[in-house]
């Protein structure tokens, strides 16, 4: 899967082995960022980012506990947002640096921008960050079964009922 984000081409390479990752890390012409501790993680997913204007090529290895791959969404200010397990990471595509990392209270489900705010849905809560990546809203809710956005309204179906949030009021 290829995503065109600003001046970058992001390619999700899928699962790889530890030996494949070591081979990539040995190539000094590329930048490798690893996210997660590889000693106890079950799977390694690889993302390739190629910055068109600078010919910068770098790889992000994500170590996950499950077979569920990371989610990638375009960010603002030349960044990409990667959500996986109980973490969300913001990576600058201009210089291959981690801008920020946030630990989540539940397993990452989904993220979406709404009016320069990043709405993050986890298995047990809602987190909203402003454009400076500062937390402006956090709400623990029961286990999320399903969710949908209707205009400015976020509706989550949980085990205990419905949770609704007007995103314009946050």
N, C-alpha and C. Protein backbone atom coordinates (compact mmCIF):
# COMPACT_ATOMS: atom_id res chain seq x y z
N UNK A 1 0.85 -1.17 0.00
CA UNK A 1 0.00 0.00 0.00
C UNK A 1 0.89 1.24 0.00
N UNK A 2 0.66 2.16 -0.93
CA UNK A 2 1.41 3.41 -0.99
C UNK A 2 0.51 4.58 -0.62
N UNK A 3 1.05 5.49 0.17
CA UNK A 3 0.36 6.73 0.51
C UNK A 3 1.25 7.89 0.07
N UNK A 4 0.68 8.87 -0.59
CA UNK A 4 1.42 10.09 -0.90
C UNK A 4 1.08 11.12 0.17
N UNK A 5 2.07 11.47 0.97
CA UNK A 5 1.87 12.40 2.07
C UNK A 5 2.84 13.55 1.90
N UNK A 6 2.29 14.73 1.65
CA UNK A 6 3.10 15.93 1.40
C UNK A 6 4.13 15.62 0.32
N UNK A 7 5.41 15.67 0.63
CA UNK A 7 6.47 15.40 -0.34
C UNK A 7 7.06 14.01 -0.15
N UNK A 8 6.29 13.11 0.44
CA UNK A 8 6.81 11.78 0.74
C UNK A 8 5.91 10.69 0.18
N UNK A 9 6.54 9.57 -0.11
CA UNK A 9 5.80 8.36 -0.49
C UNK A 9 5.99 7.37 0.65
N UNK A 10 4.88 6.96 1.26
CA UNK A 10 4.92 6.04 2.38
C UNK A 10 4.42 4.69 1.90
N UNK A 11 5.22 3.66 2.12
CA UNK A 11 4.87 2.31 1.69
C UNK A 11 4.88 1.39 2.90
N UNK A 12 3.77 0.72 3.13
CA UNK A 12 3.71 -0.27 4.20
C UNK A 12 4.20 -1.59 3.62
N UNK A 13 5.31 -2.06 4.13
CA UNK A 13 5.95 -3.25 3.57
C UNK A 13 5.37 -4.54 4.15
N UNK A 14 4.68 -4.47 5.27
CA UNK A 14 4.13 -5.68 5.87
C UNK A 14 5.09 -6.30 6.86
N UNK A 15 4.78 -7.53 7.26
CA UNK A 15 5.58 -8.21 8.26
C UNK A 15 6.92 -8.63 7.69
N UNK A 16 7.95 -8.53 8.52
CA UNK A 16 9.29 -8.99 8.12
C UNK A 16 9.88 -9.79 9.27
N UNK A 17 10.99 -10.43 9.01
CA UNK A 17 11.68 -11.19 10.04
C UNK A 17 12.75 -10.32 10.70
N UNK A 18 13.23 -10.78 11.83
CA UNK A 18 14.31 -10.08 12.53
C UNK A 18 15.56 -10.02 11.66
N UNK A 19 15.85 -11.09 10.91
CA UNK A 19 17.05 -11.08 10.05
C UNK A 19 16.91 -10.07 8.91
N UNK A 20 15.69 -9.93 8.35
CA UNK A 20 15.47 -8.91 7.33
C UNK A 20 15.70 -7.51 7.89
N UNK A 21 15.22 -7.29 9.09
CA UNK A 21 15.41 -5.99 9.73
C UNK A 21 16.89 -5.73 9.97
N UNK A 22 17.62 -6.72 10.40
CA UNK A 22 19.07 -6.55 10.62
C UNK A 22 19.79 -6.20 9.32
N UNK A 23 19.38 -6.83 8.21
CA UNK A 23 19.99 -6.53 6.91
C UNK A 23 19.73 -5.08 6.51
N UNK A 24 18.51 -4.60 6.74
CA UNK A 24 18.18 -3.20 6.42
C UNK A 24 18.99 -2.25 7.30
N UNK A 25 19.11 -2.58 8.57
CA UNK A 25 19.82 -1.71 9.51
C UNK A 25 21.31 -1.62 9.19
N UNK A 26 21.86 -2.64 8.55
CA UNK A 26 23.28 -2.63 8.20
C UNK A 26 23.59 -1.69 7.03
N UNK A 27 22.59 -1.35 6.23
CA UNK A 27 22.82 -0.47 5.08
C UNK A 27 22.92 0.97 5.59
N UNK A 28 24.10 1.52 5.60
CA UNK A 28 24.35 2.83 6.20
C UNK A 28 23.77 3.99 5.40
N UNK A 29 23.32 3.75 4.16
CA UNK A 29 22.78 4.85 3.36
C UNK A 29 21.33 5.15 3.71
N UNK A 30 20.77 4.39 4.62
CA UNK A 30 19.38 4.59 5.00
C UNK A 30 19.29 4.86 6.49
N UNK A 31 18.19 5.48 6.89
CA UNK A 31 17.92 5.75 8.29
C UNK A 31 16.90 4.72 8.76
N UNK A 32 17.14 4.10 9.89
CA UNK A 32 16.20 3.13 10.42
C UNK A 32 15.74 3.59 11.79
N UNK A 33 14.42 3.65 11.99
CA UNK A 33 13.84 3.97 13.29
C UNK A 33 13.09 2.73 13.75
N UNK A 34 13.37 2.26 14.96
CA UNK A 34 12.61 1.13 15.48
C UNK A 34 11.73 1.60 16.62
N UNK A 35 10.51 1.13 16.63
CA UNK A 35 9.55 1.50 17.66
C UNK A 35 9.11 0.23 18.38
N UNK A 36 9.41 0.14 19.66
CA UNK A 36 9.03 -1.04 20.43
C UNK A 36 10.26 -1.82 20.85
N UNK A 37 10.09 -2.67 21.82
CA UNK A 37 11.17 -3.52 22.31
C UNK A 37 11.04 -4.88 21.64
N UNK A 38 12.09 -5.27 20.92
CA UNK A 38 11.98 -6.50 20.11
C UNK A 38 12.14 -7.77 20.92
N UNK A 39 12.44 -7.69 22.20
CA UNK A 39 12.70 -8.90 22.96
C UNK A 39 11.43 -9.71 23.22
N UNK A 40 10.27 -9.08 23.27
CA UNK A 40 9.06 -9.83 23.59
C UNK A 40 7.94 -9.61 22.60
N UNK A 41 8.17 -8.91 21.51
CA UNK A 41 7.11 -8.61 20.56
C UNK A 41 6.97 -9.73 19.56
N UNK A 42 5.76 -9.96 19.15
CA UNK A 42 5.44 -11.11 18.30
C UNK A 42 5.73 -10.88 16.83
N UNK A 43 5.47 -9.67 16.33
CA UNK A 43 5.60 -9.40 14.90
C UNK A 43 6.34 -8.09 14.66
N UNK A 44 6.99 -8.01 13.49
CA UNK A 44 7.67 -6.78 13.07
C UNK A 44 7.03 -6.34 11.76
N UNK A 45 6.53 -5.12 11.74
CA UNK A 45 5.99 -4.52 10.52
C UNK A 45 6.96 -3.44 10.06
N UNK A 46 7.11 -3.30 8.76
CA UNK A 46 8.07 -2.34 8.22
C UNK A 46 7.38 -1.31 7.35
N UNK A 47 7.73 -0.06 7.55
CA UNK A 47 7.20 1.05 6.75
C UNK A 47 8.39 1.75 6.10
N UNK A 48 8.29 2.00 4.81
CA UNK A 48 9.33 2.73 4.08
C UNK A 48 8.82 4.13 3.76
N UNK A 49 9.64 5.14 3.99
CA UNK A 49 9.28 6.52 3.68
C UNK A 49 10.37 7.11 2.79
N UNK A 50 9.97 7.60 1.65
CA UNK A 50 10.90 8.23 0.71
C UNK A 50 10.48 9.68 0.55
N UNK A 51 11.36 10.60 0.95
CA UNK A 51 11.09 12.03 0.82
C UNK A 51 11.60 12.48 -0.53
N UNK A 52 10.70 12.90 -1.40
CA UNK A 52 11.00 13.19 -2.80
C UNK A 52 12.01 14.32 -2.96
N UNK A 53 11.84 15.41 -2.25
CA UNK A 53 12.68 16.59 -2.44
C UNK A 53 14.12 16.40 -1.98
N UNK A 54 14.31 15.57 -0.98
CA UNK A 54 15.67 15.42 -0.44
C UNK A 54 16.30 14.07 -0.75
N UNK A 55 15.58 13.19 -1.41
CA UNK A 55 16.04 11.82 -1.67
C UNK A 55 16.34 11.06 -0.38
N UNK A 56 15.72 11.45 0.71
CA UNK A 56 15.90 10.76 1.98
C UNK A 56 15.02 9.52 1.98
N UNK A 57 15.62 8.38 2.26
CA UNK A 57 14.89 7.13 2.37
C UNK A 57 15.09 6.60 3.77
N UNK A 58 13.98 6.33 4.46
CA UNK A 58 14.15 5.73 5.78
C UNK A 58 13.05 4.72 6.03
N UNK A 59 13.34 3.86 7.00
CA UNK A 59 12.47 2.75 7.34
C UNK A 59 12.06 2.88 8.80
N UNK A 60 10.84 2.47 9.08
CA UNK A 60 10.38 2.42 10.46
C UNK A 60 9.98 0.97 10.73
N UNK A 61 10.64 0.36 11.68
CA UNK A 61 10.28 -0.99 12.09
C UNK A 61 9.41 -0.88 13.34
N UNK A 62 8.26 -1.50 13.30
CA UNK A 62 7.32 -1.43 14.41
C UNK A 62 7.13 -2.84 14.97
N UNK A 63 7.47 -3.00 16.22
CA UNK A 63 7.35 -4.29 16.89
C UNK A 63 5.99 -4.34 17.58
N UNK A 64 5.16 -5.31 17.22
CA UNK A 64 3.81 -5.37 17.77
C UNK A 64 3.57 -6.70 18.47
N UNK A 65 2.61 -6.67 19.38
CA UNK A 65 2.26 -7.88 20.12
C UNK A 65 1.30 -8.76 19.35
N UNK A 66 0.67 -8.23 18.32
CA UNK A 66 -0.37 -8.97 17.61
C UNK A 66 -0.11 -8.98 16.12
N UNK A 67 -0.96 -9.67 15.38
CA UNK A 67 -0.87 -9.68 13.92
C UNK A 67 -1.49 -8.43 13.31
N UNK A 68 -2.05 -7.56 14.12
CA UNK A 68 -2.67 -6.34 13.61
C UNK A 68 -1.57 -5.35 13.28
N UNK A 69 -1.52 -4.94 12.02
CA UNK A 69 -0.49 -4.02 11.58
C UNK A 69 -0.75 -2.61 12.07
N UNK A 70 0.25 -1.76 11.98
CA UNK A 70 0.08 -0.36 12.41
C UNK A 70 -0.83 0.39 11.46
N UNK A 71 -1.48 1.43 11.97
CA UNK A 71 -2.29 2.32 11.15
C UNK A 71 -1.50 3.59 10.88
N UNK A 72 -1.58 4.07 9.66
CA UNK A 72 -0.83 5.26 9.27
C UNK A 72 -1.80 6.27 8.71
N UNK A 73 -1.72 7.51 9.20
CA UNK A 73 -2.53 8.58 8.63
C UNK A 73 -1.64 9.79 8.38
N UNK A 74 -1.96 10.57 7.36
CA UNK A 74 -1.20 11.80 7.14
C UNK A 74 -1.37 12.74 8.33
N UNK A 75 -0.30 13.35 8.75
CA UNK A 75 -0.36 14.35 9.80
C UNK A 75 -0.32 15.74 9.20
N UNK A 76 -0.09 16.71 10.04
CA UNK A 76 0.09 18.08 9.56
C UNK A 76 1.54 18.46 9.75
N UNK A 77 2.01 19.47 9.05
CA UNK A 77 3.39 19.94 9.14
C UNK A 77 4.40 18.85 8.80
N UNK A 78 4.21 18.19 7.66
CA UNK A 78 5.14 17.17 7.18
C UNK A 78 5.40 16.05 8.18
N UNK A 79 4.34 15.54 8.76
CA UNK A 79 4.51 14.40 9.65
C UNK A 79 3.51 13.32 9.27
N UNK A 80 3.84 12.11 9.69
CA UNK A 80 2.88 11.03 9.60
C UNK A 80 2.57 10.57 11.02
N UNK A 81 1.38 10.03 11.19
CA UNK A 81 0.93 9.54 12.48
C UNK A 81 0.81 8.02 12.37
N UNK A 82 1.47 7.33 13.28
CA UNK A 82 1.44 5.87 13.29
C UNK A 82 0.86 5.42 14.63
N UNK A 83 -0.21 4.65 14.56
CA UNK A 83 -0.82 4.10 15.76
C UNK A 83 -0.66 2.60 15.78
N UNK A 84 -0.25 2.06 16.92
CA UNK A 84 -0.10 0.61 17.05
C UNK A 84 -0.10 0.26 18.53
N UNK A 85 -0.63 -0.90 18.86
CA UNK A 85 -0.73 -1.37 20.24
C UNK A 85 -1.28 -0.26 21.14
N UNK A 86 -0.54 0.15 22.14
CA UNK A 86 -0.98 1.21 23.05
C UNK A 86 -0.12 2.45 22.89
N UNK A 87 0.21 2.76 21.62
CA UNK A 87 1.11 3.89 21.36
C UNK A 87 0.70 4.59 20.08
N UNK A 88 0.95 5.89 20.05
CA UNK A 88 0.82 6.67 18.82
C UNK A 88 2.09 7.50 18.70
N UNK A 89 2.64 7.53 17.47
CA UNK A 89 3.93 8.17 17.25
C UNK A 89 3.79 9.13 16.07
N UNK A 90 4.44 10.28 16.19
CA UNK A 90 4.44 11.31 15.15
C UNK A 90 5.85 11.42 14.61
N UNK A 91 6.01 11.20 13.30
CA UNK A 91 7.33 11.18 12.69
C UNK A 91 7.42 12.26 11.62
N UNK A 92 8.46 13.08 11.69
CA UNK A 92 8.71 14.12 10.71
C UNK A 92 9.30 13.47 9.46
N UNK A 93 8.65 13.65 8.33
CA UNK A 93 9.13 13.02 7.10
C UNK A 93 10.25 13.82 6.43
N UNK A 94 10.51 15.04 6.88
CA UNK A 94 11.61 15.83 6.32
C UNK A 94 12.97 15.37 6.82
N UNK A 95 13.01 14.92 8.08
CA UNK A 95 14.31 14.59 8.66
C UNK A 95 14.36 13.22 9.35
N UNK A 96 13.30 12.44 9.21
CA UNK A 96 13.25 11.09 9.80
C UNK A 96 13.47 11.11 11.30
N UNK A 97 12.83 12.04 11.96
CA UNK A 97 12.93 12.14 13.42
C UNK A 97 11.55 11.93 14.05
N UNK A 98 11.57 11.35 15.24
CA UNK A 98 10.33 11.21 16.00
C UNK A 98 10.04 12.55 16.65
N UNK A 99 8.88 13.14 16.30
CA UNK A 99 8.48 14.43 16.86
C UNK A 99 7.90 14.25 18.25
N UNK A 100 7.11 13.20 18.41
CA UNK A 100 6.44 12.99 19.69
C UNK A 100 5.92 11.55 19.74
N UNK A 101 5.79 11.05 20.95
CA UNK A 101 5.19 9.75 21.19
C UNK A 101 4.19 9.90 22.33
N UNK A 102 3.09 9.21 22.20
CA UNK A 102 2.09 9.24 23.27
C UNK A 102 1.73 7.80 23.62
N UNK A 103 1.75 7.48 24.91
CA UNK A 103 1.25 6.20 25.36
C UNK A 103 -0.25 6.32 25.54
N UNK A 104 -0.96 5.29 25.13
CA UNK A 104 -2.41 5.29 25.19
C UNK A 104 -2.89 4.37 26.31
N UNK A 105 -4.08 4.63 26.82
CA UNK A 105 -4.62 3.80 27.90
C UNK A 105 -5.19 2.49 27.39
N UNK A 106 -5.54 2.43 26.11
CA UNK A 106 -6.07 1.20 25.52
C UNK A 106 -5.41 0.95 24.18
N UNK A 107 -5.73 -0.17 23.57
CA UNK A 107 -5.17 -0.51 22.27
C UNK A 107 -5.71 0.44 21.21
N UNK A 108 -4.80 0.96 20.38
CA UNK A 108 -5.15 1.91 19.34
C UNK A 108 -6.12 1.28 18.34
N UNK A 109 -7.23 2.01 18.04
CA UNK A 109 -8.18 1.58 17.02
C UNK A 109 -8.11 2.45 15.78
N UNK A 110 -8.16 3.78 15.97
CA UNK A 110 -8.38 4.66 14.83
C UNK A 110 -7.98 6.08 15.20
N UNK A 111 -7.54 6.84 14.20
CA UNK A 111 -7.25 8.26 14.39
C UNK A 111 -7.72 9.02 13.16
N UNK A 112 -8.18 10.24 13.40
CA UNK A 112 -8.71 11.07 12.31
C UNK A 112 -8.54 12.53 12.70
N UNK A 113 -8.16 13.35 11.72
CA UNK A 113 -8.11 14.79 11.96
C UNK A 113 -9.49 15.40 11.76
N UNK A 114 -9.82 16.34 12.66
CA UNK A 114 -11.06 17.09 12.58
C UNK A 114 -10.73 18.52 13.02
N UNK A 115 -10.80 19.46 12.09
CA UNK A 115 -10.52 20.87 12.41
C UNK A 115 -9.22 21.07 13.18
N UNK A 116 -8.11 20.56 12.66
CA UNK A 116 -6.79 20.68 13.28
C UNK A 116 -6.68 20.00 14.65
N UNK A 117 -7.60 19.12 14.96
CA UNK A 117 -7.52 18.32 16.17
C UNK A 117 -7.42 16.87 15.73
N UNK A 118 -6.59 16.11 16.43
CA UNK A 118 -6.45 14.69 16.14
C UNK A 118 -7.32 13.91 17.12
N UNK A 119 -8.30 13.22 16.59
CA UNK A 119 -9.21 12.40 17.38
C UNK A 119 -8.64 10.98 17.39
N UNK A 120 -8.36 10.44 18.55
CA UNK A 120 -7.79 9.10 18.69
C UNK A 120 -8.78 8.23 19.46
N UNK A 121 -9.13 7.11 18.86
CA UNK A 121 -10.05 6.17 19.51
C UNK A 121 -9.27 4.92 19.88
N UNK A 122 -9.36 4.54 21.14
CA UNK A 122 -8.74 3.31 21.59
C UNK A 122 -9.84 2.34 22.02
N UNK A 123 -9.45 1.16 22.44
CA UNK A 123 -10.45 0.17 22.84
C UNK A 123 -11.26 0.63 24.05
N UNK A 124 -10.72 1.56 24.84
CA UNK A 124 -11.42 1.98 26.07
C UNK A 124 -11.46 3.49 26.27
N UNK A 125 -11.29 4.26 25.21
CA UNK A 125 -11.33 5.70 25.45
C UNK A 125 -11.15 6.55 24.21
N UNK A 126 -11.30 7.84 24.43
CA UNK A 126 -11.15 8.87 23.40
C UNK A 126 -10.07 9.83 23.88
N UNK A 127 -9.15 10.17 22.99
CA UNK A 127 -8.12 11.15 23.28
C UNK A 127 -8.10 12.14 22.13
N UNK A 128 -8.03 13.43 22.45
CA UNK A 128 -7.98 14.46 21.41
C UNK A 128 -6.76 15.34 21.67
N UNK A 129 -5.97 15.53 20.60
CA UNK A 129 -4.77 16.37 20.67
C UNK A 129 -4.95 17.58 19.78
N UNK A 130 -4.35 18.70 20.19
CA UNK A 130 -4.39 19.88 19.33
C UNK A 130 -3.26 19.81 18.31
N UNK A 131 -3.12 20.85 17.50
CA UNK A 131 -2.12 20.80 16.42
C UNK A 131 -0.68 20.81 16.95
N UNK A 132 -0.48 21.17 18.22
CA UNK A 132 0.84 21.11 18.84
C UNK A 132 1.07 19.77 19.54
N UNK A 133 0.14 18.83 19.35
CA UNK A 133 0.18 17.48 19.91
C UNK A 133 0.01 17.46 21.42
N UNK A 134 -0.62 18.49 21.95
CA UNK A 134 -0.94 18.53 23.38
C UNK A 134 -2.35 18.00 23.58
N UNK A 135 -2.53 17.28 24.67
CA UNK A 135 -3.83 16.69 24.99
C UNK A 135 -4.82 17.79 25.39
N UNK A 136 -5.98 17.82 24.73
CA UNK A 136 -7.01 18.79 25.09
C UNK A 136 -8.28 18.10 25.59
N UNK A 137 -8.35 16.78 25.41
CA UNK A 137 -9.52 16.04 25.89
C UNK A 137 -9.13 14.58 26.05
N UNK A 138 -9.61 13.98 27.14
CA UNK A 138 -9.40 12.56 27.37
C UNK A 138 -10.61 12.02 28.11
N UNK A 139 -11.14 10.92 27.65
CA UNK A 139 -12.33 10.34 28.29
C UNK A 139 -12.23 8.82 28.26
N UNK A 140 -12.25 8.22 29.44
CA UNK A 140 -12.33 6.77 29.51
C UNK A 140 -13.78 6.37 29.28
N UNK A 141 -13.99 5.38 28.42
CA UNK A 141 -15.33 4.83 28.21
C UNK A 141 -15.23 3.32 28.26
N UNK A 142 -16.38 2.67 28.29
CA UNK A 142 -16.40 1.22 28.30
C UNK A 142 -15.80 0.70 26.99
N UNK A 143 -15.58 -0.58 26.90
CA UNK A 143 -14.96 -1.18 25.71
C UNK A 143 -15.75 -0.84 24.45
N UNK A 144 -15.04 -0.26 23.48
CA UNK A 144 -15.67 0.18 22.23
C UNK A 144 -15.91 -1.03 21.33
N UNK A 145 -17.15 -1.16 20.89
CA UNK A 145 -17.51 -2.23 19.95
C UNK A 145 -17.47 -1.71 18.52
N UNK A 146 -17.97 -0.49 18.34
CA UNK A 146 -18.05 0.13 17.03
C UNK A 146 -18.10 1.64 17.21
N UNK A 147 -17.77 2.39 16.17
CA UNK A 147 -17.85 3.84 16.24
C UNK A 147 -18.11 4.38 14.85
N UNK A 148 -18.61 5.63 14.80
CA UNK A 148 -18.79 6.31 13.53
C UNK A 148 -18.79 7.81 13.77
N UNK A 149 -18.48 8.51 12.69
CA UNK A 149 -18.50 9.97 12.70
C UNK A 149 -19.68 10.40 11.84
N UNK A 150 -20.51 11.27 12.38
CA UNK A 150 -21.59 11.90 11.62
C UNK A 150 -21.40 13.39 11.77
N UNK A 151 -20.89 14.01 10.70
CA UNK A 151 -20.52 15.44 10.70
C UNK A 151 -19.59 15.71 11.86
N UNK A 152 -20.00 16.51 12.83
CA UNK A 152 -19.13 16.86 13.96
C UNK A 152 -19.37 15.97 15.19
N UNK A 153 -20.11 14.91 15.04
CA UNK A 153 -20.46 14.04 16.16
C UNK A 153 -19.73 12.71 16.06
N UNK A 154 -19.09 12.31 17.16
CA UNK A 154 -18.48 10.99 17.26
C UNK A 154 -19.41 10.14 18.11
N UNK A 155 -19.82 9.00 17.58
CA UNK A 155 -20.71 8.09 18.29
C UNK A 155 -20.00 6.76 18.46
N UNK A 156 -19.85 6.34 19.71
CA UNK A 156 -19.21 5.06 20.02
C UNK A 156 -20.23 4.13 20.66
N UNK A 157 -20.34 2.95 20.11
CA UNK A 157 -21.15 1.91 20.73
C UNK A 157 -20.23 1.12 21.64
N UNK A 158 -20.60 1.03 22.92
CA UNK A 158 -19.79 0.32 23.89
C UNK A 158 -20.61 -0.82 24.50
N UNK A 159 -19.98 -1.61 25.34
CA UNK A 159 -20.71 -2.69 26.01
C UNK A 159 -21.81 -2.16 26.91
N UNK A 160 -21.64 -0.95 27.42
CA UNK A 160 -22.65 -0.40 28.33
C UNK A 160 -23.63 0.57 27.66
N UNK A 161 -23.52 0.78 26.35
CA UNK A 161 -24.44 1.69 25.66
C UNK A 161 -23.72 2.59 24.67
N UNK A 162 -24.33 3.74 24.40
CA UNK A 162 -23.77 4.69 23.44
C UNK A 162 -23.03 5.82 24.16
N UNK A 163 -21.95 6.26 23.55
CA UNK A 163 -21.22 7.43 24.02
C UNK A 163 -21.16 8.39 22.83
N UNK A 164 -21.61 9.63 23.05
CA UNK A 164 -21.61 10.63 21.98
C UNK A 164 -20.76 11.83 22.41
N UNK A 165 -20.01 12.36 21.43
CA UNK A 165 -19.16 13.52 21.70
C UNK A 165 -19.28 14.49 20.54
N UNK A 166 -19.67 15.73 20.86
CA UNK A 166 -19.71 16.79 19.86
C UNK A 166 -18.30 17.37 19.74
N UNK A 167 -17.66 17.12 18.60
CA UNK A 167 -16.27 17.50 18.42
C UNK A 167 -16.08 19.02 18.31
N UNK A 168 -17.14 19.75 18.00
CA UNK A 168 -17.06 21.21 17.96
C UNK A 168 -16.97 21.82 19.36
N UNK A 169 -17.35 21.07 20.37
CA UNK A 169 -17.35 21.59 21.74
C UNK A 169 -16.09 21.22 22.50
N UNK A 170 -15.17 20.56 21.84
CA UNK A 170 -13.91 20.18 22.51
C UNK A 170 -12.85 21.19 22.16
